[in-house]
Amino acid sequence: MKSLCHLAVNLIKSRRAHSSAAAPRHGTEMCKELKTKVLRLSPLNCNGPLVSAEAQTDAADILSCTVKALKEGHVVAVPTDTLYGVACLAQNSEAVRKIYDIKGRNEQKPLAICVGEIQDIYKFCKVAVKRELLADLLPGPVTLVFERSDTLNADLNPFTSLVGVRIPDYAFMRRLCQMCEEPLALTSANISAHTSTVAVHEFQELWPKLAVVVDGGPIGDQRRLGSTVVDLSVHSKYRIIRPGCAFSSTRNVLEHKHGLSEVSG
């Protein structure tokens, strides 16, 4: 009888172990089944100097993985200085279409581009302001709208001659753009018309459609206002398209330091 009891106990333990091993895990393990990589930046890697060799290696690995996914034509999720965003290579027409599909976004709504350095703006935009003005606003939580240049992918926002450009005040994003050596198409990481997101779990329903999710932790600005969008396509004029999170400081720079006048509408 003791032998039978011992055998029964072992059989139950075996079944429990098998059941536990077969059960799907949450977080990164579940994402592997969906071919999505969730990569977590340490706080020191998000937007500041890298203070240790280990931290530097982690950041480099995450950057390399994200660049690889972008170069392969995938869409990724990334943290910025304002909100979480989804991004792809702006010069890749198929990848651009994927962003619209993933978000359920109206195809008549434009995507901004994101670059790593101020000089990159001149490659893709016809800049109508002084470089000093760009340096006063960028990097920062501002999207500047200019006439697009012929270098920019014609399939990106084909319905308008304008394009918004960002350089986030976020070291990881700037380095990502530099490593890609071309602009990213960037928009908020949420289903279109839903609330913008400031943490990766808030857009978890999009994860299965993304190759990489870079988790930089909670975004500091919890107001979810997004960047201030300002049209600078007309010489000596500016027009606020979206007030965003930096409205007052942006207007102060444009008017009081550089003498631009606002046009309404």
C-alpha atoms as a PDB file:
ATOM      1  CA  MET A   1       0.000   0.000   0.000  1.00  0.00           C
ATOM      2  CA  LYS A   2       2.811   2.425   0.856  1.00  0.00           C
ATOM      3  CA  SER A   3       4.333   1.651  -2.513  1.00  0.00           C
ATOM      4  CA  LEU A   4       1.065   2.466  -4.304  1.00  0.00           C
ATOM      5  CA  CYS A   5       0.700   5.740  -2.377  1.00  0.00           C
ATOM      6  CA  HIS A   6       4.277   6.705  -3.209  1.00  0.00           C
ATOM      7  CA  LEU A   7       3.646   5.979  -6.906  1.00  0.00           C
ATOM      8  CA  ALA A   8       0.452   8.080  -6.898  1.00  0.00           C
ATOM      9  CA  VAL A   9       2.226  11.052  -5.286  1.00  0.00           C
ATOM     10  CA  ASN A  10       5.026  10.915  -7.846  1.00  0.00           C
ATOM     11  CA  LEU A  11       2.515  10.746 -10.708  1.00  0.00           C
ATOM     12  CA  ILE A  12       0.655  13.839  -9.420  1.00  0.00           C
ATOM     13  CA  LYS A  13       3.941  15.750  -9.054  1.00  0.00           C
ATOM     14  CA  SER A  14       4.937  14.781 -12.583  1.00  0.00           C
ATOM     15  CA  ARG A  15       1.647  15.999 -14.037  1.00  0.00           C
ATOM     16  CA  ARG A  16       1.875  19.280 -12.130  1.00  0.00           C
ATOM     17  CA  ALA A  17       5.417  19.854 -13.375  1.00  0.00           C
ATOM     18  CA  HIS A  18       4.367  19.142 -16.960  1.00  0.00           C
ATOM     19  CA  SER A  19       1.354  21.455 -16.660  1.00  0.00           C
ATOM     20  CA  SER A  20       3.515  24.236 -15.227  1.00  0.00           C
ATOM     21  CA  ALA A  21       6.082  23.908 -18.000  1.00  0.00           C
ATOM     22  CA  ALA A  22       3.428  23.927 -20.711  1.00  0.00           C
ATOM     23  CA  ALA A  23       1.555  26.968 -19.361  1.00  0.00           C
ATOM     24  CA  PRO A  24       2.286  30.197 -21.274  1.00  0.00           C
ATOM     25  CA  ARG A  25       4.372  32.732 -19.418  1.00  0.00           C
ATOM     26  CA  HIS A  26       3.594  36.415 -19.338  1.00  0.00           C
ATOM     27  CA  GLY A  27       5.852  39.307 -20.319  1.00  0.00           C
ATOM     28  CA  THR A  28       8.858  38.610 -22.464  1.00  0.00           C
ATOM     29  CA  GLU A  29       8.275  34.849 -22.742  1.00  0.00           C
ATOM     30  CA  MET A  30       4.755  35.289 -24.101  1.00  0.00           C
ATOM     31  CA  CYS A  31       6.051  37.863 -26.565  1.00  0.00           C
ATOM     32  CA  LYS A  32       8.587  35.398 -27.918  1.00  0.00           C
ATOM     33  CA  GLU A  33       5.694  33.245 -29.113  1.00  0.00           C
ATOM     34  CA  LEU A  34       4.400  36.317 -30.942  1.00  0.00           C
ATOM     35  CA  LYS A  35       7.875  37.089 -32.311  1.00  0.00           C
ATOM     36  CA  THR A  36       7.890  40.357 -30.406  1.00  0.00           C
ATOM     37  CA  LYS A  37      10.953  41.330 -28.385  1.00  0.00           C
ATOM     38  CA  VAL A  38      10.369  43.456 -25.291  1.00  0.00           C
ATOM     39  CA  LEU A  39      13.679  45.121 -24.437  1.00  0.00           C
ATOM     40  CA  ARG A  40      13.984  47.002 -21.172  1.00  0.00           C
ATOM     41  CA  LEU A  41      16.288  49.984 -20.935  1.00  0.00           C
ATOM     42  CA  SER A  42      17.822  50.634 -17.563  1.00  0.00           C
ATOM     43  CA  PRO A  43      17.000  54.121 -16.204  1.00  0.00           C
ATOM     44  CA  LEU A  44      20.576  55.227 -16.837  1.00  0.00           C
ATOM     45  CA  ASN A  45      20.286  54.234 -20.489  1.00  0.00           C
ATOM     46  CA  CYS A  46      17.031  56.034 -21.188  1.00  0.00           C
ATOM     47  CA  ASN A  47      18.091  59.640 -21.402  1.00  0.00           C
ATOM     48  CA  GLY A  48      21.418  60.284 -19.805  1.00  0.00           C
ATOM     49  CA  PRO A  49      25.107  59.362 -19.739  1.00  0.00           C
ATOM     50  CA  LEU A  50      26.059  55.722 -19.581  1.00  0.00           C
ATOM     51  CA  VAL A  51      28.006  55.271 -16.387  1.00  0.00           C
ATOM     52  CA  SER A  52      29.061  51.634 -16.520  1.00  0.00           C
ATOM     53  CA  ALA A  53      30.393  49.215 -19.106  1.00  0.00           C
ATOM     54  CA  GLU A  54      27.513  46.836 -18.378  1.00  0.00           C
ATOM     55  CA  ALA A  55      24.917  49.566 -18.899  1.00  0.00           C
ATOM     56  CA  GLN A  56      26.642  50.642 -22.100  1.00  0.00           C
ATOM     57  CA  THR A  57      26.584  47.078 -23.435  1.00  0.00           C
ATOM     58  CA  ASP A  58      22.889  46.724 -22.645  1.00  0.00           C
ATOM     59  CA  ALA A  59      22.044  49.970 -24.446  1.00  0.00           C
ATOM     60  CA  ALA A  60      24.187  49.004 -27.438  1.00  0.00           C
ATOM     61  CA  ASP A  61      22.490  45.615 -27.692  1.00  0.00           C
ATOM     62  CA  ILE A  62      19.020  47.154 -27.554  1.00  0.00           C
ATOM     63  CA  LEU A  63      19.946  49.747 -30.159  1.00  0.00           C
ATOM     64  CA  SER A  64      21.410  47.083 -32.466  1.00  0.00           C
ATOM     65  CA  CYS A  65      18.326  44.886 -32.135  1.00  0.00           C
ATOM     66  CA  THR A  66      15.993  47.809 -32.825  1.00  0.00           C
ATOM     67  CA  VAL A  67      18.001  49.029 -35.809  1.00  0.00           C
ATOM     68  CA  LYS A  68      18.009  45.498 -37.256  1.00  0.00           C
ATOM     69  CA  ALA A  69      14.223  45.274 -36.960  1.00  0.00           C
ATOM     70  CA  LEU A  70      13.782  48.670 -38.618  1.00  0.00           C
ATOM     71  CA  LYS A  71      16.173  47.821 -41.445  1.00  0.00           C
ATOM     72  CA  GLU A  72      14.181  44.630 -42.060  1.00  0.00           C
ATOM     73  CA  GLY A  73      11.055  46.713 -42.620  1.00  0.00           C
ATOM     74  CA  HIS A  74       9.353  46.171 -39.273  1.00  0.00           C
ATOM     75  CA  VAL A  75       7.522  48.579 -36.983  1.00  0.00           C
ATOM     76  CA  VAL A  76       8.842  49.093 -33.446  1.00  0.00           C
ATOM     77  CA  ALA A  77       7.653  50.863 -30.290  1.00  0.00           C
ATOM     78  CA  VAL A  78       9.978  53.376 -28.660  1.00  0.00           C
ATOM     79  CA  PRO A  79       9.977  55.849 -25.771  1.00  0.00           C
ATOM     80  CA  THR A  80      10.375  59.571 -26.485  1.00  0.00           C
ATOM     81  CA  ASP A  81      10.489  62.717 -24.382  1.00  0.00           C
ATOM     82  CA  THR A  82       6.695  63.126 -24.595  1.00  0.00           C
ATOM     83  CA  LEU A  83       4.886  59.823 -25.278  1.00  0.00           C
ATOM     84  CA  TYR A  84       5.548  56.285 -26.433  1.00  0.00           C
ATOM     85  CA  GLY A  85       5.624  56.050 -30.202  1.00  0.00           C
ATOM     86  CA  VAL A  86       5.580  53.518 -33.002  1.00  0.00           C
ATOM     87  CA  ALA A  87       8.203  53.988 -35.674  1.00  0.00           C
ATOM     88  CA  CYS A  88       9.495  52.618 -38.961  1.00  0.00           C
ATOM     89  CA  LEU A  89      11.931  53.769 -41.624  1.00  0.00           C
ATOM     90  CA  ALA A  90      10.306  56.728 -43.358  1.00  0.00           C
ATOM     91  CA  GLN A  91      11.895  55.812 -46.694  1.00  0.00           C
ATOM     92  CA  ASN A  92      10.297  52.338 -46.641  1.00  0.00           C
ATOM     93  CA  SER A  93       6.820  52.638 -48.188  1.00  0.00           C
ATOM     94  CA  GLU A  94       5.659  49.184 -47.102  1.00  0.00           C
ATOM     95  CA  ALA A  95       6.690  49.841 -43.492  1.00  0.00           C
ATOM     96  CA  VAL A  96       4.851  53.166 -43.543  1.00  0.00           C
ATOM     97  CA  ARG A  97       1.682  51.379 -44.624  1.00  0.00           C
ATOM     98  CA  LYS A  98       2.133  48.953 -41.736  1.00  0.00           C
ATOM     99  CA  ILE A  99       1.974  51.816 -39.226  1.00  0.00           C
ATOM    100  CA  TYR A 100      -1.385  52.918 -40.610  1.00  0.00           C
ATOM    101  CA  ASP A 101      -2.677  49.348 -40.486  1.00  0.00           C
ATOM    102  CA  ILE A 102      -1.418  48.714 -36.947  1.00  0.00           C
ATOM    103  CA  LYS A 103      -3.009  51.880 -35.559  1.00  0.00           C
ATOM    104  CA  GLY A 104      -6.135  51.828 -37.726  1.00  0.00           C
ATOM    105  CA  ARG A 105      -5.077  55.352 -38.665  1.00  0.00           C
ATOM    106  CA  ASN A 106      -6.820  57.510 -41.252  1.00  0.00           C
ATOM    107  CA  GLU A 107      -4.572  57.543 -44.325  1.00  0.00           C
ATOM    108  CA  GLN A 108      -5.157  61.288 -44.709  1.00  0.00           C
ATOM    109  CA  LYS A 109      -3.495  61.973 -41.352  1.00  0.00           C
ATOM    110  CA  PRO A 110       0.229  62.656 -41.790  1.00  0.00           C
ATOM    111  CA  LEU A 111       3.149  61.028 -39.991  1.00  0.00           C
ATOM    112  CA  ALA A 112       6.025  63.090 -38.626  1.00  0.00           C
ATOM    113  CA  ILE A 113       9.634  62.149 -39.196  1.00  0.00           C
ATOM    114  CA  CYS A 114      12.292  61.882 -36.517  1.00  0.00           C
ATOM    115  CA  VAL A 115      15.996  62.576 -37.084  1.00  0.00           C
ATOM    116  CA  GLY A 116      19.071  62.510 -34.902  1.00  0.00           C
ATOM    117  CA  GLU A 117      20.772  65.827 -35.652  1.00  0.00           C
ATOM    118  CA  ILE A 118      19.767  69.320 -36.752  1.00  0.00           C
ATOM    119  CA  GLN A 119      21.763  69.014 -39.974  1.00  0.00           C
ATOM    120  CA  ASP A 120      19.598  66.045 -40.958  1.00  0.00           C
ATOM    121  CA  ILE A 121      16.549  68.317 -41.148  1.00  0.00           C
ATOM    122  CA  TYR A 122      18.027  70.068 -44.178  1.00  0.00           C
ATOM    123  CA  LYS A 123      18.155  66.785 -46.124  1.00  0.00           C
ATOM    124  CA  PHE A 124      14.422  66.188 -45.911  1.00  0.00           C
ATOM    125  CA  CYS A 125      12.931  69.666 -45.415  1.00  0.00           C
ATOM    126  CA  LYS A 126      13.142  73.080 -47.030  1.00  0.00           C
ATOM    127  CA  VAL A 127      14.018  75.075 -43.945  1.00  0.00           C
ATOM    128  CA  ALA A 128      12.654  78.632 -43.878  1.00  0.00           C
ATOM    129  CA  VAL A 129      14.159  79.757 -40.557  1.00  0.00           C
ATOM    130  CA  LYS A 130      17.629  80.397 -39.192  1.00  0.00           C
ATOM    131  CA  ARG A 131      19.624  77.530 -37.779  1.00  0.00           C
ATOM    132  CA  GLU A 132      19.765  79.362 -34.440  1.00  0.00           C
ATOM    133  CA  LEU A 133      15.997  79.003 -34.124  1.00  0.00           C
ATOM    134  CA  LEU A 134      16.235  75.265 -34.710  1.00  0.00           C
ATOM    135  CA  ALA A 135      18.944  75.025 -32.056  1.00  0.00           C
ATOM    136  CA  ASP A 136      16.768  76.924 -29.573  1.00  0.00           C
ATOM    137  CA  LEU A 137      13.903  74.436 -29.942  1.00  0.00           C
ATOM    138  CA  LEU A 138      15.669  71.151 -30.702  1.00  0.00           C
ATOM    139  CA  PRO A 139      16.248  68.653 -29.256  1.00  0.00           C
ATOM    140  CA  GLY A 140      12.946  69.120 -27.476  1.00  0.00           C
ATOM    141  CA  PRO A 141       9.236  68.293 -27.259  1.00  0.00           C
ATOM    142  CA  VAL A 142       8.440  70.188 -30.451  1.00  0.00           C
ATOM    143  CA  THR A 143       7.475  69.135 -33.995  1.00  0.00           C
ATOM    144  CA  LEU A 144       8.469  71.677 -36.635  1.00  0.00           C
ATOM    145  CA  VAL A 145       6.584  71.667 -39.938  1.00  0.00           C
ATOM    146  CA  PHE A 146       8.341  72.647 -43.170  1.00  0.00           C
ATOM    147  CA  GLU A 147       7.998  72.129 -46.883  1.00  0.00           C
ATOM    148  CA  ARG A 148       9.299  68.674 -47.677  1.00  0.00           C
ATOM    149  CA  SER A 149      12.285  68.104 -49.956  1.00  0.00           C
ATOM    150  CA  ASP A 150      12.366  65.731 -52.920  1.00  0.00           C
ATOM    151  CA  THR A 151      14.659  63.422 -50.932  1.00  0.00           C
ATOM    152  CA  LEU A 152      11.827  62.356 -48.639  1.00  0.00           C
ATOM    153  CA  ASN A 153       9.849  59.267 -49.615  1.00  0.00           C
ATOM    154  CA  ALA A 154       7.018  60.381 -51.935  1.00  0.00           C
ATOM    155  CA  ASP A 155       4.737  57.725 -50.410  1.00  0.00           C
ATOM    156  CA  LEU A 156       4.992  59.338 -46.977  1.00  0.00           C
ATOM    157  CA  ASN A 157       2.120  61.818 -46.639  1.00  0.00           C
ATOM    158  CA  PRO A 158       1.578  62.057 -50.420  1.00  0.00           C
ATOM    159  CA  PHE A 159      -1.434  64.325 -49.872  1.00  0.00           C
ATOM    160  CA  THR A 160       0.603  67.272 -48.556  1.00  0.00           C
ATOM    161  CA  SER A 161       3.734  69.195 -49.450  1.00  0.00           C
ATOM    162  CA  LEU A 162       4.535  69.653 -45.757  1.00  0.00           C
ATOM    163  CA  VAL A 163       6.165  67.379 -43.202  1.00  0.00           C
ATOM    164  CA  GLY A 164       6.676  67.607 -39.453  1.00  0.00           C
ATOM    165  CA  VAL A 165      10.114  66.820 -38.071  1.00  0.00           C
ATOM    166  CA  ARG A 166      11.214  65.945 -34.536  1.00  0.00           C
ATOM    167  CA  ILE A 167      14.460  65.595 -32.633  1.00  0.00           C
ATOM    168  CA  PRO A 168      13.328  64.285 -29.236  1.00  0.00           C
ATOM    169  CA  ASP A 169      15.184  65.329 -26.107  1.00  0.00           C
ATOM    170  CA  TYR A 170      15.822  61.639 -25.513  1.00  0.00           C
ATOM    171  CA  ALA A 171      19.299  60.220 -26.008  1.00  0.00           C
ATOM    172  CA  PHE A 172      18.178  56.729 -27.005  1.00  0.00           C
ATOM    173  CA  MET A 173      15.961  58.057 -29.807  1.00  0.00           C
ATOM    174  CA  ARG A 174      18.604  60.374 -31.202  1.00  0.00           C
ATOM    175  CA  ARG A 175      21.169  57.577 -31.239  1.00  0.00           C
ATOM    176  CA  LEU A 176      18.662  55.241 -32.893  1.00  0.00           C
ATOM    177  CA  CYS A 177      18.129  57.718 -35.735  1.00  0.00           C
ATOM    178  CA  GLN A 178      21.867  58.204 -36.120  1.00  0.00           C
ATOM    179  CA  MET A 179      22.462  54.459 -36.375  1.00  0.00           C
ATOM    180  CA  CYS A 180      19.673  54.025 -38.931  1.00  0.00           C
ATOM    181  CA  GLU A 181      21.233  56.814 -41.033  1.00  0.00           C
ATOM    182  CA  GLU A 182      17.792  57.817 -42.306  1.00  0.00           C
ATOM    183  CA  PRO A 183      14.654  59.348 -40.804  1.00  0.00           C
ATOM    184  CA  LEU A 184      12.071  57.416 -38.853  1.00  0.00           C
ATOM    185  CA  ALA A 185       8.352  57.854 -39.418  1.00  0.00           C
ATOM    186  CA  LEU A 186       6.951  58.365 -35.944  1.00  0.00           C
ATOM    187  CA  THR A 187       3.510  58.595 -34.353  1.00  0.00           C
ATOM    188  CA  SER A 188       1.974  57.817 -30.978  1.00  0.00           C
ATOM    189  CA  ALA A 189       1.802  54.195 -29.790  1.00  0.00           C
ATOM    190  CA  ASN A 190      -1.934  53.691 -29.510  1.00  0.00           C
ATOM    191  CA  ILE A 191      -4.907  52.657 -31.587  1.00  0.00           C
ATOM    192  CA  SER A 192      -6.006  55.735 -33.509  1.00  0.00           C
ATOM    193  CA  ALA A 193      -8.321  58.031 -31.521  1.00  0.00           C
ATOM    194  CA  HIS A 194      -7.493  56.193 -28.265  1.00  0.00           C
ATOM    195  CA  THR A 195      -5.594  57.773 -25.371  1.00  0.00           C
ATOM    196  CA  SER A 196      -1.883  58.366 -25.918  1.00  0.00           C
ATOM    197  CA  THR A 197       0.415  56.149 -23.871  1.00  0.00           C
ATOM    198  CA  VAL A 198       3.152  56.845 -21.324  1.00  0.00           C
ATOM    199  CA  ALA A 199       4.000  53.237 -20.366  1.00  0.00           C
ATOM    200  CA  VAL A 200       4.411  50.106 -22.487  1.00  0.00           C
ATOM    201  CA  HIS A 201       1.624  48.127 -20.809  1.00  0.00           C
ATOM    202  CA  GLU A 202      -0.860  50.758 -21.973  1.00  0.00           C
ATOM    203  CA  PHE A 203      -0.508  49.674 -25.599  1.00  0.00           C
ATOM    204  CA  GLN A 204      -0.058  45.963 -24.970  1.00  0.00           C
ATOM    205  CA  GLU A 205      -2.754  45.123 -27.532  1.00  0.00           C
ATOM    206  CA  LEU A 206      -0.366  46.374 -30.237  1.00  0.00           C
ATOM    207  CA  TRP A 207       2.593  44.224 -29.153  1.00  0.00           C
ATOM    208  CA  PRO A 208       1.804  41.234 -31.398  1.00  0.00           C
ATOM    209  CA  LYS A 209       2.064  43.540 -34.437  1.00  0.00           C
ATOM    210  CA  LEU A 210       5.428  45.006 -33.430  1.00  0.00           C
ATOM    211  CA  ALA A 211       8.872  43.469 -33.900  1.00  0.00           C
ATOM    212  CA  VAL A 212      10.418  45.265 -30.915  1.00  0.00           C
ATOM    213  CA  VAL A 213       9.005  47.093 -27.899  1.00  0.00           C
ATOM    214  CA  VAL A 214      11.618  49.224 -26.148  1.00  0.00           C
ATOM    215  CA  ASP A 215      10.559  49.739 -22.539  1.00  0.00           C
ATOM    216  CA  GLY A 216      12.079  52.906 -21.145  1.00  0.00           C
ATOM    217  CA  GLY A 217       9.822  52.947 -18.099  1.00  0.00           C
ATOM    218  CA  PRO A 218       7.080  55.508 -17.444  1.00  0.00           C
ATOM    219  CA  ILE A 219       7.350  58.741 -19.429  1.00  0.00           C
ATOM    220  CA  GLY A 220       7.955  61.668 -17.095  1.00  0.00           C
ATOM    221  CA  ASP A 221       5.209  63.942 -18.466  1.00  0.00           C
ATOM    222  CA  GLN A 222       1.937  62.309 -17.428  1.00  0.00           C
ATOM    223  CA  ARG A 223      -0.253  64.957 -19.109  1.00  0.00           C
ATOM    224  CA  ARG A 224      -0.188  63.016 -22.411  1.00  0.00           C
ATOM    225  CA  LEU A 225      -0.237  66.234 -24.428  1.00  0.00           C
ATOM    226  CA  GLY A 226       2.358  65.206 -26.971  1.00  0.00           C
ATOM    227  CA  SER A 227       4.781  67.558 -28.679  1.00  0.00           C
ATOM    228  CA  THR A 228       3.921  71.130 -29.606  1.00  0.00           C
ATOM    229  CA  VAL A 229       3.396  71.205 -33.386  1.00  0.00           C
ATOM    230  CA  VAL A 230       4.244  74.465 -35.135  1.00  0.00           C
ATOM    231  CA  ASP A 231       4.183  75.298 -38.854  1.00  0.00           C
ATOM    232  CA  LEU A 232       7.295  77.243 -39.904  1.00  0.00           C
ATOM    233  CA  SER A 233       6.867  76.806 -43.658  1.00  0.00           C
ATOM    234  CA  VAL A 234       6.128  80.515 -44.270  1.00  0.00           C
ATOM    235  CA  HIS A 235       9.026  82.944 -43.909  1.00  0.00           C
ATOM    236  CA  SER A 236       8.891  85.055 -40.711  1.00  0.00           C
ATOM    237  CA  LYS A 237       5.571  83.486 -39.678  1.00  0.00           C
ATOM    238  CA  TYR A 238       4.488  80.667 -37.420  1.00  0.00           C
ATOM    239  CA  ARG A 239       1.220  78.811 -36.890  1.00  0.00           C
ATOM    240  CA  ILE A 240       0.454  76.575 -33.923  1.00  0.00           C
ATOM    241  CA  ILE A 241      -1.123  73.348 -35.185  1.00  0.00           C
ATOM    242  CA  ARG A 242      -1.229  71.660 -31.767  1.00  0.00           C
ATOM    243  CA  PRO A 243      -0.422  73.441 -28.466  1.00  0.00           C
ATOM    244  CA  GLY A 244       1.058  70.289 -26.922  1.00  0.00           C
ATOM    245  CA  CYS A 245       3.250  70.236 -23.842  1.00  0.00           C
ATOM    246  CA  ALA A 246       5.643  73.093 -24.712  1.00  0.00           C
ATOM    247  CA  PHE A 247       3.309  75.776 -26.050  1.00  0.00           C
ATOM    248  CA  SER A 248       4.348  78.736 -23.890  1.00  0.00           C
ATOM    249  CA  SER A 249       8.101  78.206 -24.133  1.00  0.00           C
ATOM    250  CA  THR A 250       7.902  77.598 -27.893  1.00  0.00           C
ATOM    251  CA  ARG A 251       5.882  80.747 -28.533  1.00  0.00           C
ATOM    252  CA  ASN A 252       8.275  82.742 -26.385  1.00  0.00           C
ATOM    253  CA  VAL A 253      11.259  81.586 -28.474  1.00  0.00           C
ATOM    254  CA  LEU A 254       9.485  82.241 -31.769  1.00  0.00           C
ATOM    255  CA  GLU A 255       8.124  85.672 -30.942  1.00  0.00           C
ATOM    256  CA  HIS A 256      10.420  87.287 -28.409  1.00  0.00           C
ATOM    257  CA  LYS A 257      13.773  85.873 -29.430  1.00  0.00           C
ATOM    258  CA  HIS A 258      13.361  85.470 -33.192  1.00  0.00           C
ATOM    259  CA  GLY A 259      10.639  88.003 -34.020  1.00  0.00           C
ATOM    260  CA  LEU A 260       8.227  85.699 -35.840  1.00  0.00           C
ATOM    261  CA  SER A 261       4.573  86.689 -35.970  1.00  0.00           C
ATOM    262  CA  GLU A 262       1.704  84.265 -35.500  1.00  0.00           C
ATOM    263  CA  VAL A 263      -0.844  83.565 -38.211  1.00  0.00           C
ATOM    264  CA  SER A 264      -4.155  82.036 -37.216  1.00  0.00           C
ATOM    265  CA  GLY A 265      -6.146  79.282 -38.885  1.00  0.00           C
END
